[in-house]
Protein backbone atom coordinates (compact mmCIF):
# COMPACT_ATOMS: atom_id res chain seq x y z
CA MET A 1 39.70 -52.21 -114.33
CA LYS A 2 41.92 -50.75 -117.04
CA LYS A 3 43.02 -47.95 -114.70
CA ILE A 4 44.02 -50.52 -112.07
CA ILE A 5 46.10 -52.46 -114.58
CA VAL A 6 47.89 -49.33 -115.83
CA LEU A 7 48.67 -48.32 -112.23
CA ILE A 8 50.16 -51.74 -111.48
CA ILE A 9 52.37 -51.51 -114.58
CA VAL A 10 53.67 -48.10 -113.48
CA ILE A 11 54.43 -49.35 -109.96
CA VAL A 12 56.30 -52.41 -111.19
CA VAL A 13 58.32 -50.36 -113.66
CA LEU A 14 59.27 -47.83 -111.00
CA GLN A 15 60.25 -50.53 -108.52
CA GLY A 16 62.40 -52.12 -111.20
CA CYS A 17 64.57 -48.97 -111.22
CA ILE A 18 64.18 -48.42 -114.94
CA SER A 19 65.40 -44.97 -115.96
CA GLN A 20 62.85 -43.03 -117.97
CA LYS A 21 63.13 -39.37 -118.98
CA VAL A 22 59.90 -37.46 -118.40
CA SER A 23 59.29 -33.97 -119.76
CA GLN A 24 56.47 -31.48 -119.20
CA ARG A 25 54.92 -32.68 -122.45
CA ASP A 26 54.55 -36.17 -120.99
CA ILE A 27 52.51 -35.12 -117.96
CA PHE A 28 49.72 -33.35 -119.83
CA ASN A 29 46.90 -35.10 -121.64
CA PRO A 30 44.65 -32.30 -122.94
CA VAL A 31 41.06 -33.13 -123.78
CA LYS A 32 39.64 -31.19 -126.70
CA GLU A 33 36.04 -30.04 -126.42
CA PHE A 34 33.83 -30.47 -129.48
CA LYS A 35 30.88 -28.23 -130.28
CA LEU A 36 27.47 -29.50 -131.27
CA SER A 37 26.61 -28.66 -134.87
CA SER A 38 24.75 -25.39 -135.30
CA ASP A 39 22.34 -27.24 -137.61
CA PHE A 40 20.79 -28.93 -134.57
CA ARG A 41 18.14 -27.67 -132.23
CA PHE A 42 19.14 -28.61 -128.68
CA GLU A 43 17.02 -29.21 -125.60
CA ARG A 44 18.27 -30.31 -122.18
CA ASN A 45 15.83 -31.68 -119.61
CA PHE A 46 16.11 -33.25 -116.17
CA ILE A 47 13.75 -36.08 -115.31
CA LYS A 48 13.15 -37.36 -111.80
CA ASN A 49 14.99 -40.55 -110.98
CA THR A 50 14.18 -40.70 -107.26
CA ASP A 51 12.65 -38.25 -104.82
CA SER A 52 16.01 -36.53 -104.52
CA THR A 53 17.89 -37.13 -107.79
CA SER A 54 17.35 -36.43 -111.47
CA ILE A 55 18.75 -37.61 -114.82
CA GLU A 56 20.14 -35.23 -117.46
CA THR A 57 18.74 -35.83 -120.95
CA TRP A 58 19.63 -34.31 -124.32
CA TYR A 59 17.20 -34.06 -127.20
CA ILE A 60 18.87 -33.02 -130.46
CA THR A 61 16.60 -32.40 -133.43
CA GLU A 62 16.63 -31.38 -137.10
CA GLU A 63 13.96 -30.14 -139.49
CA ASN A 64 11.83 -32.90 -141.03
CA PRO A 65 13.47 -35.84 -139.23
CA GLN A 66 13.09 -39.28 -140.78
CA ILE A 67 14.57 -41.38 -137.96
CA ASN A 68 15.21 -41.37 -134.20
CA PHE A 69 18.49 -42.44 -132.63
CA ILE A 70 18.78 -43.20 -128.92
CA TYR A 71 22.37 -43.31 -127.68
CA PHE A 72 23.67 -45.06 -124.53
CA SER A 73 27.20 -43.97 -123.51
CA GLY A 74 30.18 -46.00 -122.34
CA ASN A 75 31.79 -46.00 -118.91
CA GLY A 76 34.65 -43.58 -119.52
CA SER A 77 32.53 -41.06 -121.39
CA ASN A 78 29.29 -39.09 -121.23
CA ILE A 79 26.99 -37.32 -123.66
CA ARG A 80 29.52 -34.59 -124.48
CA SER A 81 32.09 -37.20 -125.47
CA ALA A 82 29.81 -38.33 -128.30
CA ILE A 83 29.36 -34.90 -129.90
CA PRO A 84 31.61 -35.74 -132.91
CA PHE A 85 29.51 -38.87 -133.46
CA PHE A 86 26.28 -36.89 -133.18
CA ASN A 87 27.55 -34.24 -135.61
CA GLU A 88 28.43 -36.88 -138.20
CA LEU A 89 25.07 -38.63 -137.73
CA GLY A 90 23.45 -35.28 -138.48
CA LYS A 91 25.40 -35.00 -141.75
CA GLN A 92 24.28 -38.40 -142.98
CA PHE A 93 20.67 -38.51 -141.71
CA ASP A 94 17.66 -36.26 -141.18
CA LEU A 95 17.18 -37.21 -137.56
CA ASN A 96 16.49 -36.74 -133.89
CA ILE A 97 19.02 -37.90 -131.28
CA PHE A 98 17.94 -38.66 -127.72
CA SER A 99 20.55 -39.40 -125.07
CA PHE A 100 21.21 -39.08 -121.36
CA ASN A 101 23.84 -39.32 -118.63
CA TYR A 102 23.73 -42.20 -116.18
CA SER A 103 23.37 -41.36 -112.49
CA GLY A 104 26.57 -39.67 -111.35
CA TYR A 105 27.70 -38.83 -114.91
CA GLY A 106 27.63 -35.37 -116.46
CA LEU A 107 24.95 -33.31 -114.75
CA SER A 108 22.94 -36.34 -113.60
CA GLU A 109 22.71 -36.69 -109.84
CA GLY A 110 23.14 -39.80 -107.73
CA THR A 111 25.67 -42.64 -107.81
CA PRO A 112 26.08 -45.18 -110.62
CA SER A 113 25.64 -48.92 -110.11
CA ILE A 114 25.16 -51.92 -112.38
CA GLU A 115 21.46 -52.20 -111.60
CA GLY A 116 21.15 -48.42 -111.52
CA ILE A 117 22.37 -47.74 -115.07
CA VAL A 118 19.81 -50.23 -116.41
CA ARG A 119 17.07 -48.53 -114.37
CA ASP A 120 18.26 -45.17 -115.73
CA GLY A 121 17.97 -46.53 -119.26
CA GLN A 122 14.49 -47.88 -118.62
CA LEU A 123 13.42 -44.56 -117.15
CA VAL A 124 14.60 -42.50 -120.13
CA LEU A 125 13.17 -44.95 -122.69
CA ASN A 126 9.78 -44.65 -120.99
CA TYR A 127 10.18 -40.88 -120.96
CA PHE A 128 11.07 -40.89 -124.66
CA ASN A 129 8.10 -43.10 -125.51
CA ASP A 130 5.67 -40.97 -123.51
CA THR A 131 6.77 -37.47 -124.44
CA ILE A 132 8.73 -37.26 -127.71
CA GLU A 133 6.58 -35.99 -130.58
CA ASP A 134 8.37 -37.98 -133.30
CA LYS A 135 8.20 -41.33 -131.51
CA GLY A 136 6.36 -42.78 -134.53
CA LEU A 137 9.53 -42.63 -136.61
CA PRO A 138 11.83 -45.67 -136.94
CA THR A 139 13.87 -45.72 -133.74
CA ILE A 140 17.41 -47.10 -133.50
CA LEU A 141 19.00 -47.86 -130.13
CA ILE A 142 22.79 -47.49 -130.11
CA GLY A 143 24.87 -48.82 -127.21
CA TYR A 144 28.58 -48.06 -127.03
CA SER A 145 30.93 -50.13 -124.80
CA LEU A 146 29.22 -50.32 -121.37
CA GLY A 147 26.20 -48.76 -123.07
CA GLY A 148 25.95 -52.00 -125.05
CA PHE A 149 25.16 -53.80 -121.80
CA VAL A 150 22.36 -51.32 -121.04
CA ALA A 151 21.08 -51.54 -124.62
CA LEU A 152 21.02 -55.36 -124.57
CA ASN A 153 19.04 -55.24 -121.34
CA LEU A 154 16.45 -52.90 -122.86
CA MET A 155 16.36 -53.74 -126.57
CA ASN A 156 12.91 -55.31 -126.29
CA HIS A 157 11.37 -52.00 -125.19
CA GLU A 158 8.37 -51.12 -127.36
CA ALA A 159 10.00 -47.88 -128.54
CA ILE A 160 12.91 -49.71 -130.22
CA ASP A 161 12.88 -51.02 -133.80
CA GLN A 162 16.56 -51.90 -134.40
CA VAL A 163 19.72 -52.10 -132.30
CA VAL A 164 23.37 -51.21 -132.90
CA ILE A 165 25.95 -52.55 -130.43
CA MET A 166 29.41 -50.96 -130.66
CA SER A 167 32.69 -52.04 -129.04
CA THR A 168 30.97 -54.13 -126.39
CA PHE A 169 32.26 -57.00 -124.23
CA THR A 170 30.87 -60.51 -123.84
CA SER A 171 31.22 -60.57 -120.06
CA ILE A 172 33.40 -58.94 -117.43
CA GLU A 173 34.73 -62.38 -116.52
CA GLU A 174 35.94 -62.96 -120.09
CA LEU A 175 37.23 -59.39 -120.36
CA GLN A 176 39.22 -59.80 -117.16
CA ALA A 177 40.76 -63.01 -118.49
CA TYR A 178 41.66 -61.29 -121.76
CA LEU A 179 43.29 -58.30 -120.07
CA LEU A 180 45.32 -60.50 -117.73
CA LYS A 181 46.46 -62.87 -120.47
CA GLU A 182 46.75 -60.75 -123.60
CA ALA A 183 47.01 -57.10 -122.66
CA LEU A 184 49.66 -57.33 -119.93
CA PRO A 185 53.37 -57.94 -120.50
CA VAL A 186 54.46 -61.35 -119.24
CA ILE A 187 56.73 -59.82 -116.58
CA ILE A 188 53.78 -57.96 -115.04
CA ARG A 189 51.33 -60.85 -114.67
CA PRO A 190 52.83 -62.44 -111.52
CA PHE A 191 52.53 -59.11 -109.68
CA LEU A 192 48.82 -58.60 -110.43
CA LYS A 193 46.24 -59.99 -108.04
CA LEU A 194 42.73 -58.62 -108.42
CA ASP A 195 40.07 -58.91 -105.74
CA ILE A 196 36.94 -58.07 -107.74
CA ASP A 197 33.51 -57.59 -106.18
CA LYS A 198 31.46 -60.53 -107.43
CA SER A 199 28.54 -58.23 -108.27
CA ILE A 200 30.67 -56.81 -111.11
CA TYR A 201 30.33 -60.17 -112.88
CA ASP A 202 26.66 -59.27 -113.42
CA LEU A 203 27.98 -57.33 -116.41
CA ASP A 204 27.34 -60.29 -118.70
CA ASN A 205 26.04 -59.87 -122.25
CA LEU A 206 26.24 -63.52 -123.30
CA LYS A 207 22.72 -64.40 -122.16
CA LEU A 208 21.23 -60.99 -122.86
CA VAL A 209 22.04 -61.12 -126.57
CA GLU A 210 19.91 -64.25 -127.02
CA ASN A 211 16.78 -62.60 -125.65
CA SER A 212 15.63 -60.63 -128.69
CA THR A 213 14.87 -61.20 -132.36
CA LYS A 214 15.01 -57.51 -133.32
CA PRO A 215 17.45 -56.59 -136.10
CA ILE A 216 20.90 -56.02 -134.62
CA LEU A 217 24.23 -54.75 -135.95
CA PHE A 218 27.53 -55.28 -134.14
CA VAL A 219 30.36 -52.82 -134.86
CA HIS A 220 33.89 -53.04 -133.50
CA GLY A 221 37.28 -51.46 -134.10
CA GLU A 222 39.97 -53.62 -135.70
CA TYR A 223 42.62 -52.41 -133.25
CA ASP A 224 40.55 -52.27 -130.07
CA ASN A 225 43.13 -53.38 -127.47
CA PHE A 226 40.77 -53.02 -124.52
CA ILE A 227 37.74 -55.00 -125.68
CA PRO A 228 38.79 -57.30 -128.56
CA SER A 229 36.63 -57.55 -131.68
CA SER A 230 36.39 -61.31 -131.08
CA MET A 231 33.86 -60.50 -128.35
CA SER A 232 31.53 -58.88 -130.86
CA TYR A 233 31.84 -61.99 -133.01
CA SER A 234 30.82 -64.11 -130.01
CA LEU A 235 27.76 -61.94 -129.38
CA TYR A 236 26.88 -61.96 -133.08
CA ASN A 237 27.00 -65.77 -133.18
CA LEU A 238 24.73 -66.05 -130.13
CA SER A 239 22.11 -63.62 -131.41
CA HIS A 240 18.75 -65.00 -132.60
CA ALA A 241 17.89 -61.80 -134.45
CA VAL A 242 15.73 -62.05 -137.55
CA ARG A 243 18.40 -59.96 -139.27
CA LYS A 244 21.92 -59.44 -137.97
CA ASP A 245 25.33 -58.34 -139.20
CA ILE A 246 28.80 -57.56 -137.88
CA LYS A 247 31.25 -54.99 -139.20
CA ILE A 248 34.88 -54.49 -138.19
CA ILE A 249 36.16 -50.95 -138.77
CA ASN A 250 39.69 -50.94 -140.20
CA ASN A 251 42.38 -49.14 -138.18
CA ALA A 252 39.88 -48.15 -135.46
CA ASP A 253 40.43 -48.55 -131.71
CA HIS A 254 38.07 -48.65 -128.74
CA ARG A 255 37.25 -44.94 -128.92
CA MET A 256 36.38 -45.05 -132.60
CA VAL A 257 33.16 -43.01 -132.34
CA LEU A 258 34.21 -40.51 -129.69
CA LYS A 259 37.08 -38.44 -131.08
CA ASP A 260 38.18 -40.35 -134.18
CA ILE A 261 36.47 -38.36 -136.93
CA ILE A 262 37.56 -40.73 -139.70
CA SER A 263 36.41 -43.87 -137.91
CA ASN A 264 33.04 -42.51 -136.89
CA LYS A 265 32.28 -41.70 -140.53
CA LEU A 266 32.94 -45.37 -141.35
CA VAL A 267 30.82 -46.54 -138.42
CA ILE A 268 27.87 -44.40 -139.52
CA LYS A 269 28.25 -45.61 -143.10
CA GLU A 270 27.78 -49.19 -141.84
CA ILE A 271 24.83 -48.18 -139.65
CA LYS A 272 23.19 -46.50 -142.63
CA LYS A 273 23.60 -49.58 -144.81
CA PHE A 274 22.19 -51.86 -142.13
CA ILE A 275 19.10 -49.91 -141.20
CA SER A 276 18.23 -49.12 -144.83
CA PRO A 277 18.75 -52.48 -146.61
């Protein structure tokens, strides 16, 4: 949706005959690759999703782990995007990290769908519970952005002890309303007409968050201009968790745990405080 809105803005600006100087520097947006810490042991596996497709999983381990983290990615990212976050987790915990790519992401085969990413999550949680040697350790499920939707669907899985939801929306319907009203310049709004597949509105966390009493922490960036932190407050208020908290990370945006080294340190500090009261 964000890509559509940006495209509309560009079209309107161009049609308005506004002169804008563009240099070579403006057309490149390099993406820096991060390396997984050498302190980790790394194992990649592929587990069968259907008769013809498989899901890519990562299992990152340290000596004498004391805790398991399971990480669900966002929409515009994959496992590799979270390497800075994983590296910082490894500095602050003795741990194992288990993660995967949704169908169609990374090296996972197939095509993503709303129902499909939840099935993918269920599949890998079952795999984790059945095969990981350290499954008896406290296990924390972390869902980032769209991964928060998958995590809220699956937080009652027997493998999960506590949940962390980061930078996640209330519902696509509310997010659409926010982007149209708050994120777009006034002059653009009359030009934007969206015809959205109604199935997309199934991305709704408002009811999901009420369905568990497991301890849950909500974390959001102060300057997230894509999914506002007010949505995490709404989810927090609806939660019936036996223990819950919400933390807003100062000066952080939507990608606070992906490439923002400073912000992900602050996020992990809050996670550490919550899961070890």
